[in-house]
């Protein structure tokens, strides 16, 4: 029997290992080229991995929760000639797609799965995750697309989820499912696709429909009890570090061990900035958010003090100033803290920064920020005020040399023209690498940003 073994590829940015989150196929299943077979977690995001081979799955080389090194076996597939012959689809006139292929394409565009770029798929208008090609000299892959209709995974019993061939919508109550991923997920979760089809009006059933249905207990069957975690010995509970936490641990440890950091901070009267932002609001346009204004002031400060938008080459003993500002933003996601960057922030207006910040943070929270966005930051802005705290001694995001943070904005007593009045005050803290500059430079930068916050109407026209 001829077999092909798929070795785990480099999924980007030189990552050396991944953790298997969930297998979407089992040994004995039939798979097609570019079919997604496994979800893995890297240090940066969750990635769907397709197989470059077609045939019957012979071996899964790792269990869910296992760590697999790049270049090690992931899945072995028996060659197509040893697998059952596919069911011949009726030939369509003039090269038209079969109804099954059309339904499959509709389902994939509806979000049933995401494709890892680079395994020979063709163009698509689907909404799955996309990765920006690395600039390592490798040829760029064509945009990903839904593959032709995949062969159904054989069931031990007759398959009750036949695809309706009548019309584009099919009869009500008949499951419109072609993707074996969705059918397998339904079997695993015990979801009745016929009942789901009736509730869905006969439309295409996607992974999202199955996930939603599985979250609701069936009226005929009580929900299965959730097993309690096993008691740990000695009253302790040990939680293994996943790939993401290991990467965070390594990066922060390196920052603390290599960078002699120093911190300066200042209380800032943000009342004028808040007033400016409120004045920019209209009934149809909320205007830029406060973070966009802060980002604009930070970029202007880095133009005045470019040494803070740099990295330190310790081997050559040189400070390397970057020619553009890729402004990193600390974003808390379900997986942990990530720092994607607004690429080319120094070329953007306040309105452009606002749009890109909102889009970038949304992608980051969904795990869809690109590898370039996650690795290209040259300076980090941290809005920890969102956690309702006032200050932080932040850790510099190596290999950057500085990080600026803002606490929450509070009404506080403040002296203005000799009178105590209520003003909107925030604390700004700035952590910098003392090897690249001294306190004078750091203080000059933080004051430049603070002055712009306290007099934004004058600062913005000069930016």
Protein backbone atom coordinates (compact mmCIF):
# COMPACT_ATOMS: atom_id res chain seq x y z
CA UNK A 1 0.00 0.00 0.00
CA UNK A 2 1.47 3.34 -1.10
CA UNK A 3 1.36 6.01 1.63
CA UNK A 4 2.25 9.69 1.86
CA UNK A 5 3.22 11.36 5.15
CA UNK A 6 2.52 15.05 5.58
CA UNK A 7 5.18 16.77 7.70
CA UNK A 8 4.13 19.79 9.75
CA UNK A 9 5.17 22.85 7.69
CA UNK A 10 6.53 26.13 8.99
CA UNK A 11 3.30 28.03 9.61
CA UNK A 12 5.02 31.39 9.59
CA UNK A 13 7.57 33.57 11.40
CA UNK A 14 9.86 30.61 12.11
CA UNK A 15 7.58 28.97 14.70
CA UNK A 16 9.10 25.67 15.83
CA UNK A 17 6.08 23.82 17.20
CA UNK A 18 2.29 23.79 17.43
CA UNK A 19 -0.27 22.25 19.73
CA UNK A 20 -2.97 20.04 18.22
CA UNK A 21 -6.31 21.56 19.20
CA UNK A 22 -8.75 19.32 17.32
CA UNK A 23 -8.62 16.66 14.64
CA UNK A 24 -11.35 17.05 12.03
CA UNK A 25 -10.76 13.56 10.59
CA UNK A 26 -10.16 10.12 12.05
CA UNK A 27 -8.08 7.17 10.91
CA UNK A 28 -9.94 5.42 8.09
CA UNK A 29 -11.62 8.58 6.78
CA UNK A 30 -11.30 9.56 3.14
CA UNK A 31 -9.76 12.99 2.53
CA UNK A 32 -9.24 15.18 -0.53
CA UNK A 33 -6.40 17.51 -1.46
CA UNK A 34 -6.63 20.78 0.49
CA UNK A 35 -9.23 19.40 2.89
CA UNK A 36 -8.74 20.85 6.37
CA UNK A 37 -7.81 17.98 8.66
CA UNK A 38 -6.69 19.58 11.92
CA UNK A 39 -6.82 22.77 13.96
CA UNK A 40 -3.52 23.70 15.61
CA UNK A 41 -2.52 26.48 17.96
CA UNK A 42 0.70 28.33 17.35
CA UNK A 43 2.27 30.94 19.57
CA UNK A 44 0.32 33.54 17.57
CA UNK A 45 -3.07 32.14 16.55
CA UNK A 46 -5.25 29.10 15.83
CA UNK A 47 -4.66 27.78 12.30
CA UNK A 48 -6.62 25.33 10.14
CA UNK A 49 -4.21 22.97 8.37
CA UNK A 50 -5.20 21.25 5.09
CA UNK A 51 -3.65 18.08 3.73
CA UNK A 52 -1.75 18.14 0.42
CA UNK A 53 -2.59 14.44 -0.16
CA UNK A 54 -5.80 12.64 -1.11
CA UNK A 55 -6.77 9.16 -0.01
CA UNK A 56 -7.64 7.32 3.19
CA UNK A 57 -6.22 8.47 6.52
CA UNK A 58 -3.80 5.79 7.72
CA UNK A 59 -2.23 7.41 10.79
CA UNK A 60 -2.72 10.49 12.93
CA UNK A 61 0.70 11.07 14.44
CA UNK A 62 -0.40 13.15 17.43
CA UNK A 63 -3.31 13.26 19.84
CA UNK A 64 -5.31 16.35 20.67
CA UNK A 65 -3.30 18.39 23.17
CA UNK A 66 0.05 17.04 21.94
CA UNK A 67 2.84 19.31 20.71
CA UNK A 68 4.22 18.67 17.23
CA UNK A 69 7.54 20.06 16.04
CA UNK A 70 7.90 21.65 12.62
CA UNK A 71 9.11 19.04 10.14
CA UNK A 72 7.73 16.10 12.13
CA UNK A 73 4.97 13.77 10.83
CA UNK A 74 1.44 15.09 11.25
CA UNK A 75 -0.76 12.74 9.21
CA UNK A 76 -0.19 9.77 6.89
CA UNK A 77 -2.59 9.18 4.00
CA UNK A 78 -2.86 6.02 1.92
CA UNK A 79 -2.55 6.81 -1.79
CA UNK A 80 -5.75 7.45 -3.72
CA UNK A 81 -5.55 4.15 -5.61
CA UNK A 82 -5.87 2.20 -2.36
CA UNK A 83 -8.83 4.25 -1.20
CA UNK A 84 -12.44 3.58 -2.25
CA UNK A 85 -13.28 4.97 -5.66
CA UNK A 86 -15.09 8.28 -5.47
CA UNK A 87 -18.71 8.43 -6.49
CA UNK A 88 -18.88 9.82 -10.01
CA UNK A 89 -20.66 13.14 -10.21
CA UNK A 90 -22.96 13.79 -13.17
CA UNK A 91 -21.27 15.70 -15.96
CA UNK A 92 -22.63 19.23 -16.29
CA UNK A 93 -23.01 20.88 -19.69
CA UNK A 94 -20.49 23.52 -20.74
CA UNK A 95 -18.23 22.77 -17.79
CA UNK A 96 -20.77 24.01 -15.24
CA UNK A 97 -20.28 23.11 -11.61
CA UNK A 98 -22.40 20.32 -10.18
CA UNK A 99 -25.14 21.21 -7.68
CA UNK A 100 -23.02 19.56 -4.98
CA UNK A 101 -20.03 21.72 -5.83
CA UNK A 102 -22.18 24.85 -5.81
CA UNK A 103 -23.57 23.96 -2.38
CA UNK A 104 -20.10 23.19 -1.08
CA UNK A 105 -18.79 26.53 -2.32
CA UNK A 106 -21.73 28.35 -0.74
CA UNK A 107 -21.11 26.59 2.56
CA UNK A 108 -17.40 27.29 2.63
CA UNK A 109 -18.05 30.97 1.88
CA UNK A 110 -20.52 30.98 4.76
CA UNK A 111 -17.69 30.16 7.14
CA UNK A 112 -17.61 26.41 7.67
CA UNK A 113 -13.81 26.35 7.59
CA UNK A 114 -10.65 28.34 6.90
CA UNK A 115 -7.84 27.42 4.56
CA UNK A 116 -4.13 27.71 5.16
CA UNK A 117 -2.63 29.46 2.14
CA UNK A 118 -0.04 27.60 0.10
CA UNK A 119 -1.37 24.15 -0.80
CA UNK A 120 -2.62 24.78 -4.31
CA UNK A 121 -6.12 26.14 -3.74
CA UNK A 122 -7.50 28.75 -6.11
CA UNK A 123 -9.16 32.12 -5.76
CA UNK A 124 -12.07 32.58 -3.36
CA UNK A 125 -14.39 35.24 -2.10
CA UNK A 126 -14.87 33.43 1.17
CA UNK A 127 -14.41 35.06 4.54
CA UNK A 128 -11.98 32.64 6.10
CA UNK A 129 -8.78 33.71 7.84
CA UNK A 130 -6.02 34.88 5.52
CA UNK A 131 -2.33 35.09 6.13
CA UNK A 132 -0.21 37.75 4.49
CA UNK A 133 2.67 36.05 2.58
CA UNK A 134 6.05 36.31 4.25
CA UNK A 135 8.72 38.36 2.53
CA UNK A 136 11.34 35.62 2.74
CA UNK A 137 11.74 35.23 -1.00
CA UNK A 138 9.30 32.33 -1.30
CA UNK A 139 6.80 32.67 -4.14
CA UNK A 140 3.46 34.03 -3.03
CA UNK A 141 0.63 31.53 -3.07
CA UNK A 142 -2.54 32.18 -4.98
CA UNK A 143 -5.52 33.28 -2.88
CA UNK A 144 -7.35 30.38 -1.30
CA UNK A 145 -10.68 29.07 -2.55
CA UNK A 146 -13.29 26.47 -1.86
CA UNK A 147 -12.15 23.20 -3.39
CA UNK A 148 -14.44 21.11 -5.62
CA UNK A 149 -16.99 19.07 -3.74
CA UNK A 150 -15.25 16.70 -1.36
CA UNK A 151 -16.14 13.05 -1.13
CA UNK A 152 -18.38 12.24 1.82
CA UNK A 153 -16.83 10.42 4.74
CA UNK A 154 -18.27 6.87 4.78
CA UNK A 155 -20.55 6.10 7.70
CA UNK A 156 -20.93 2.69 9.35
CA UNK A 157 -24.66 2.96 8.60
CA UNK A 158 -26.34 4.37 5.48
CA UNK A 159 -25.71 8.08 5.38
CA UNK A 160 -28.94 9.92 6.31
CA UNK A 161 -27.60 13.28 5.20
CA UNK A 162 -27.94 12.99 1.45
CA UNK A 163 -27.62 16.23 -0.43
CA UNK A 164 -30.80 17.38 -2.14
CA UNK A 165 -30.38 17.68 -5.88
CA UNK A 166 -33.58 19.56 -6.61
CA UNK A 167 -33.06 23.25 -7.30
CA UNK A 168 -30.60 25.52 -5.54
CA UNK A 169 -32.31 25.49 -2.18
CA UNK A 170 -33.58 21.91 -2.08
CA UNK A 171 -36.75 20.72 -0.37
CA UNK A 172 -37.41 21.97 3.11
CA UNK A 173 -36.15 19.62 5.82
CA UNK A 174 -33.53 17.95 3.61
CA UNK A 175 -30.00 18.76 4.85
CA UNK A 176 -28.00 20.82 2.38
CA UNK A 177 -24.56 19.57 3.51
CA UNK A 178 -21.67 18.64 1.28
CA UNK A 179 -18.66 19.38 3.50
CA UNK A 180 -17.53 16.21 5.30
CA UNK A 181 -16.19 18.46 8.04
CA UNK A 182 -19.68 19.62 8.93
CA UNK A 183 -21.16 16.12 8.72
CA UNK A 184 -18.44 14.68 10.93
CA UNK A 185 -18.86 17.50 13.44
CA UNK A 186 -22.61 16.81 13.52
CA UNK A 187 -22.00 13.11 14.19
CA UNK A 188 -19.49 13.89 16.93
CA UNK A 189 -21.87 16.30 18.64
CA UNK A 190 -24.98 14.17 18.11
CA UNK A 191 -26.80 16.81 16.08
CA UNK A 192 -29.72 15.62 13.93
CA UNK A 193 -29.09 17.24 10.57
CA UNK A 194 -32.61 16.53 9.33
CA UNK A 195 -34.11 18.38 12.27
CA UNK A 196 -31.56 21.15 11.86
CA UNK A 197 -32.43 21.41 8.16
CA UNK A 198 -36.11 21.80 8.96
CA UNK A 199 -35.33 24.57 11.44
CA UNK A 200 -33.04 26.18 8.86
CA UNK A 201 -35.69 26.15 6.13
CA UNK A 202 -33.75 23.76 3.92
CA UNK A 203 -30.82 26.12 3.52
CA UNK A 204 -27.14 25.24 3.56
CA UNK A 205 -26.00 23.93 6.96
CA UNK A 206 -22.61 25.21 8.06
CA UNK A 207 -20.33 24.48 10.98
CA UNK A 208 -21.78 27.48 12.81
CA UNK A 209 -25.28 25.94 12.64
CA UNK A 210 -24.01 22.67 14.11
CA UNK A 211 -22.05 24.40 16.87
CA UNK A 212 -25.09 26.46 17.84
CA UNK A 213 -27.38 23.44 17.85
CA UNK A 214 -24.95 21.39 19.92
CA UNK A 215 -24.83 24.11 22.57
CA UNK A 216 -28.56 23.65 23.25
CA UNK A 217 -29.65 20.49 25.15
CA UNK A 218 -31.96 18.28 23.09
CA UNK A 219 -35.49 18.04 24.50
CA UNK A 220 -35.37 14.27 23.96
CA UNK A 221 -32.00 13.74 25.56
CA UNK A 222 -30.65 15.45 28.69
CA UNK A 223 -27.35 17.24 28.29
CA UNK A 224 -24.39 15.07 29.17
CA UNK A 225 -22.82 15.97 32.51
CA UNK A 226 -19.56 17.85 32.29
CA UNK A 227 -16.84 15.82 34.00
CA UNK A 228 -15.21 17.51 36.94
CA UNK A 229 -11.47 18.11 36.70
CA UNK A 230 -9.39 15.42 38.31
CA UNK A 231 -8.13 16.26 41.76
CA UNK A 232 -4.44 17.02 41.79
CA UNK A 233 -2.05 15.39 44.20
CA UNK A 234 -1.23 17.30 47.34
CA UNK A 235 -4.01 19.84 46.78
CA UNK A 236 -2.21 21.37 43.79
CA UNK A 237 -3.51 21.83 40.27
CA UNK A 238 -0.96 21.89 37.48
CA UNK A 239 -1.77 23.62 34.19
CA UNK A 240 0.68 22.98 31.34
CA UNK A 241 1.81 26.04 29.41
CA UNK A 242 0.41 25.92 25.90
CA UNK A 243 2.38 27.17 22.90
CA UNK A 244 1.05 30.70 23.28
CA UNK A 245 1.93 30.98 26.98
CA UNK A 246 5.37 29.48 26.35
CA UNK A 247 6.06 32.10 23.68
CA UNK A 248 4.85 34.90 25.98
CA UNK A 249 6.98 33.55 28.82
CA UNK A 250 10.08 33.43 26.66
CA UNK A 251 9.56 36.94 25.25
CA UNK A 252 8.90 38.58 28.62
CA UNK A 253 11.76 36.73 30.32
CA UNK A 254 14.12 37.87 27.58
CA UNK A 255 12.94 41.46 27.95
CA UNK A 256 13.47 41.46 31.71
CA UNK A 257 16.87 39.75 31.51
CA UNK A 258 18.33 41.82 28.64
CA UNK A 259 16.85 45.31 28.92
CA UNK A 260 17.89 47.71 31.71
CA UNK A 261 14.57 49.52 31.77
CA UNK A 262 13.61 52.73 33.51
CA UNK A 263 10.19 54.31 34.04
CA UNK A 264 8.92 57.89 34.12
CA UNK A 265 5.32 58.95 34.56
CA UNK A 266 3.17 62.06 34.63
CA UNK A 267 -0.43 62.97 35.47
CA UNK A 268 -2.11 64.62 32.48
CA UNK A 269 -5.18 66.85 32.27
CA UNK A 270 -7.13 65.21 29.45
CA UNK A 271 -10.14 67.52 29.77
CA UNK A 272 -9.38 69.45 26.53
CA UNK A 273 -8.93 66.21 24.59
CA UNK A 274 -12.21 64.79 25.88
CA UNK A 275 -13.95 68.04 24.95
CA UNK A 276 -12.41 67.99 21.47
CA UNK A 277 -13.54 64.46 20.90
CA UNK A 278 -17.08 65.24 22.04
CA UNK A 279 -17.22 68.26 19.74
CA UNK A 280 -16.31 66.06 16.77
CA UNK A 281 -19.31 63.79 17.30
CA UNK A 282 -22.38 64.12 15.10
CA UNK A 283 -25.70 62.32 14.92
CA UNK A 284 -24.39 60.10 12.13
CA UNK A 285 -20.64 60.01 12.87
CA UNK A 286 -19.17 59.33 16.32
CA UNK A 287 -15.79 60.66 15.17
CA UNK A 288 -12.39 59.25 16.13
CA UNK A 289 -12.01 57.58 19.51
CA UNK A 290 -9.65 58.82 22.20
CA UNK A 291 -7.14 56.07 21.39
CA UNK A 292 -6.81 57.36 17.83
CA UNK A 293 -5.91 60.83 19.12
CA UNK A 294 -3.40 59.33 21.56
CA UNK A 295 -1.88 57.29 18.73
CA UNK A 296 -1.53 60.44 16.62
CA UNK A 297 0.26 62.25 19.45
CA UNK A 298 2.54 59.28 20.07
CA UNK A 299 3.54 59.14 16.40
CA UNK A 300 4.30 62.88 16.48
CA UNK A 301 6.42 62.39 19.60
CA UNK A 302 8.39 59.62 17.90
CA UNK A 303 9.16 61.96 14.99
CA UNK A 304 10.75 64.31 17.53
CA UNK A 305 12.58 61.50 19.33
CA UNK A 306 13.24 58.82 16.67
CA UNK A 307 15.70 56.94 18.89
CA UNK A 308 12.65 55.60 20.75
CA UNK A 309 11.35 54.03 17.53
CA UNK A 310 14.32 51.71 17.22
CA UNK A 311 15.96 48.45 18.20
CA UNK A 312 19.38 47.69 19.64
CA UNK A 313 21.77 45.51 17.65
CA UNK A 314 23.88 44.11 20.49
CA UNK A 315 26.20 42.16 18.19
CA UNK A 316 27.27 45.26 16.26
CA UNK A 317 26.69 47.66 19.17
CA UNK A 318 24.42 49.87 17.09
CA UNK A 319 21.06 51.56 17.60
CA UNK A 320 18.92 50.88 14.52
CA UNK A 321 16.25 53.54 13.99
CA UNK A 322 13.24 52.40 11.94
CA UNK A 323 12.20 54.40 8.89
CA UNK A 324 8.50 54.09 9.69
CA UNK A 325 6.32 53.72 12.78
CA UNK A 326 4.48 50.42 13.09
CA UNK A 327 2.47 51.24 16.20
CA UNK A 328 1.89 48.18 18.38
CA UNK A 329 -1.33 48.04 20.41
CA UNK A 330 -1.66 45.78 23.43
CA UNK A 331 -4.88 43.78 22.90
CA UNK A 332 -6.34 41.29 25.37
CA UNK A 333 -7.87 38.34 23.52
CA UNK A 334 -9.35 35.06 24.71
CA UNK A 335 -5.98 33.41 24.07
CA UNK A 336 -4.01 36.03 25.97
CA UNK A 337 -2.27 39.34 25.41
CA UNK A 338 -1.17 40.03 21.83
CA UNK A 339 0.46 43.15 20.37
CA UNK A 340 -0.50 43.61 16.70
CA UNK A 341 0.75 46.72 14.95
CA UNK A 342 -0.84 49.42 12.83
CA UNK A 343 1.55 49.29 9.89
CA UNK A 344 2.72 52.69 8.70
CA UNK A 345 0.93 54.60 11.46
CA UNK A 346 3.15 57.63 10.78
CA UNK A 347 1.44 58.15 7.40
CA UNK A 348 -2.14 58.20 8.75
CA UNK A 349 -4.54 60.92 9.77
CA UNK A 350 -6.49 60.69 13.02
CA UNK A 351 -9.53 59.35 11.16
CA UNK A 352 -7.42 56.74 9.35
CA UNK A 353 -5.79 55.68 12.61
CA UNK A 354 -9.23 55.30 14.19
CA UNK A 355 -10.48 53.01 11.42
CA UNK A 356 -7.35 50.89 11.40
CA UNK A 357 -7.16 50.61 15.20
CA UNK A 358 -10.76 49.38 15.38
CA UNK A 359 -10.25 46.87 12.56
CA UNK A 360 -6.92 45.66 13.91
CA UNK A 361 -8.12 45.10 17.48
CA UNK A 362 -11.18 43.23 16.18
CA UNK A 363 -8.96 40.94 14.08
CA UNK A 364 -6.61 40.37 16.99
CA UNK A 365 -9.41 39.40 19.38
CA UNK A 366 -10.68 36.91 16.78
CA UNK A 367 -7.19 35.46 16.26
CA UNK A 368 -7.07 36.77 12.68
CA UNK A 369 -4.25 39.31 12.88
CA UNK A 370 -1.62 38.53 10.25
CA UNK A 371 1.84 37.25 11.11
CA UNK A 372 3.31 40.54 9.86
CA UNK A 373 0.98 42.60 12.05
CA UNK A 374 1.94 40.51 15.08
CA UNK A 375 5.68 40.78 14.48
CA UNK A 376 6.30 44.17 12.85
CA UNK A 377 5.71 46.54 15.77
CA UNK A 378 8.38 49.19 16.39
CA UNK A 379 6.81 50.89 19.44
CA UNK A 380 3.94 49.87 21.72
CA UNK A 381 0.98 51.87 23.03
CA UNK A 382 -0.83 50.26 25.97
CA UNK A 383 -4.28 51.42 27.08
CA UNK A 384 -4.51 49.62 30.41
CA UNK A 385 -7.14 52.12 31.53
CA UNK A 386 -9.59 49.77 29.84
CA UNK A 387 -9.02 47.44 32.79
CA UNK A 388 -10.02 50.24 35.20
CA UNK A 389 -6.52 50.68 36.60
CA UNK A 390 -4.51 53.89 36.89
CA UNK A 391 -0.91 52.86 36.36
CA UNK A 392 1.39 50.07 35.26
CA UNK A 393 5.11 49.27 35.24
CA UNK A 394 4.89 47.66 31.81
CA UNK A 395 7.44 45.28 30.28
CA UNK A 396 9.03 46.41 27.00
CA UNK A 397 8.06 44.28 24.01
CA UNK A 398 11.49 43.01 22.88
CA UNK A 399 13.15 43.93 20.49
CA UNK A 400 11.47 47.32 20.85
CA UNK A 401 13.04 49.83 23.22
CA UNK A 402 10.04 51.56 24.77
CA UNK A 403 6.37 51.26 25.70
CA UNK A 404 3.88 54.01 26.63
CA UNK A 405 0.80 53.32 28.73
CA UNK A 406 -2.32 55.22 29.77
CA UNK A 407 -4.50 54.63 32.82
CA UNK A 408 -8.19 55.34 33.14
CA UNK A 409 -9.48 58.90 32.85
CA UNK A 410 -11.08 60.03 36.13
CA UNK A 411 -12.68 63.18 37.47
CA UNK A 412 -10.19 64.55 40.01
CA UNK A 413 -9.53 67.85 41.78
CA UNK A 414 -6.99 69.90 39.80
CA UNK A 415 -5.55 73.35 40.19
CA UNK A 416 -6.24 75.65 37.21
CA UNK A 417 -5.25 79.34 37.44
CA UNK A 418 -5.00 79.07 41.21
CA UNK A 419 -8.48 77.51 41.58
CA UNK A 420 -9.32 73.92 42.51
CA UNK A 421 -11.64 72.53 39.84
CA UNK A 422 -12.78 69.10 38.68
CA UNK A 423 -10.82 67.91 35.64
CA UNK A 424 -10.46 64.65 33.71
CA UNK A 425 -7.06 63.29 34.70
CA UNK A 426 -5.13 60.30 33.41
CA UNK A 427 -1.74 58.93 34.40
CA UNK A 428 0.75 58.26 31.63
CA UNK A 429 3.73 55.95 32.25
CA UNK A 430 6.68 55.49 29.93
CA UNK A 431 9.13 52.58 30.15
CA UNK A 432 12.32 52.84 28.08
CA UNK A 433 15.56 50.98 27.45
CA UNK A 434 18.22 52.99 29.29
CA UNK A 435 20.88 51.71 26.89
CA UNK A 436 19.49 53.72 23.95
CA UNK A 437 18.76 56.99 25.73
CA UNK A 438 18.83 58.81 29.04
CA UNK A 439 16.14 60.42 31.15
CA UNK A 440 16.27 63.70 29.25
CA UNK A 441 15.14 62.07 26.02
CA UNK A 442 12.49 59.98 27.76
CA UNK A 443 11.14 62.98 29.63
CA UNK A 444 11.13 65.10 26.47
CA UNK A 445 9.06 62.46 24.67
CA UNK A 446 6.50 61.95 27.43
CA UNK A 447 6.09 65.73 27.85
CA UNK A 448 5.58 66.14 24.09
CA UNK A 449 2.72 63.66 24.22
CA UNK A 450 1.30 65.15 27.44
CA UNK A 451 1.42 68.69 26.04
CA UNK A 452 -0.50 67.59 22.95
CA UNK A 453 -3.18 65.96 25.14
CA UNK A 454 -3.53 69.11 27.23
CA UNK A 455 -3.76 71.39 24.17
CA UNK A 456 -4.95 69.21 21.26
CA UNK A 457 -6.52 72.06 19.28
CA UNK A 458 -3.09 73.63 18.87
CA UNK A 459 -1.16 70.37 18.52
CA UNK A 460 -3.19 68.69 15.76
CA UNK A 461 -2.67 71.35 13.05
CA UNK A 462 1.10 71.07 13.60
CA UNK A 463 1.18 67.29 13.21
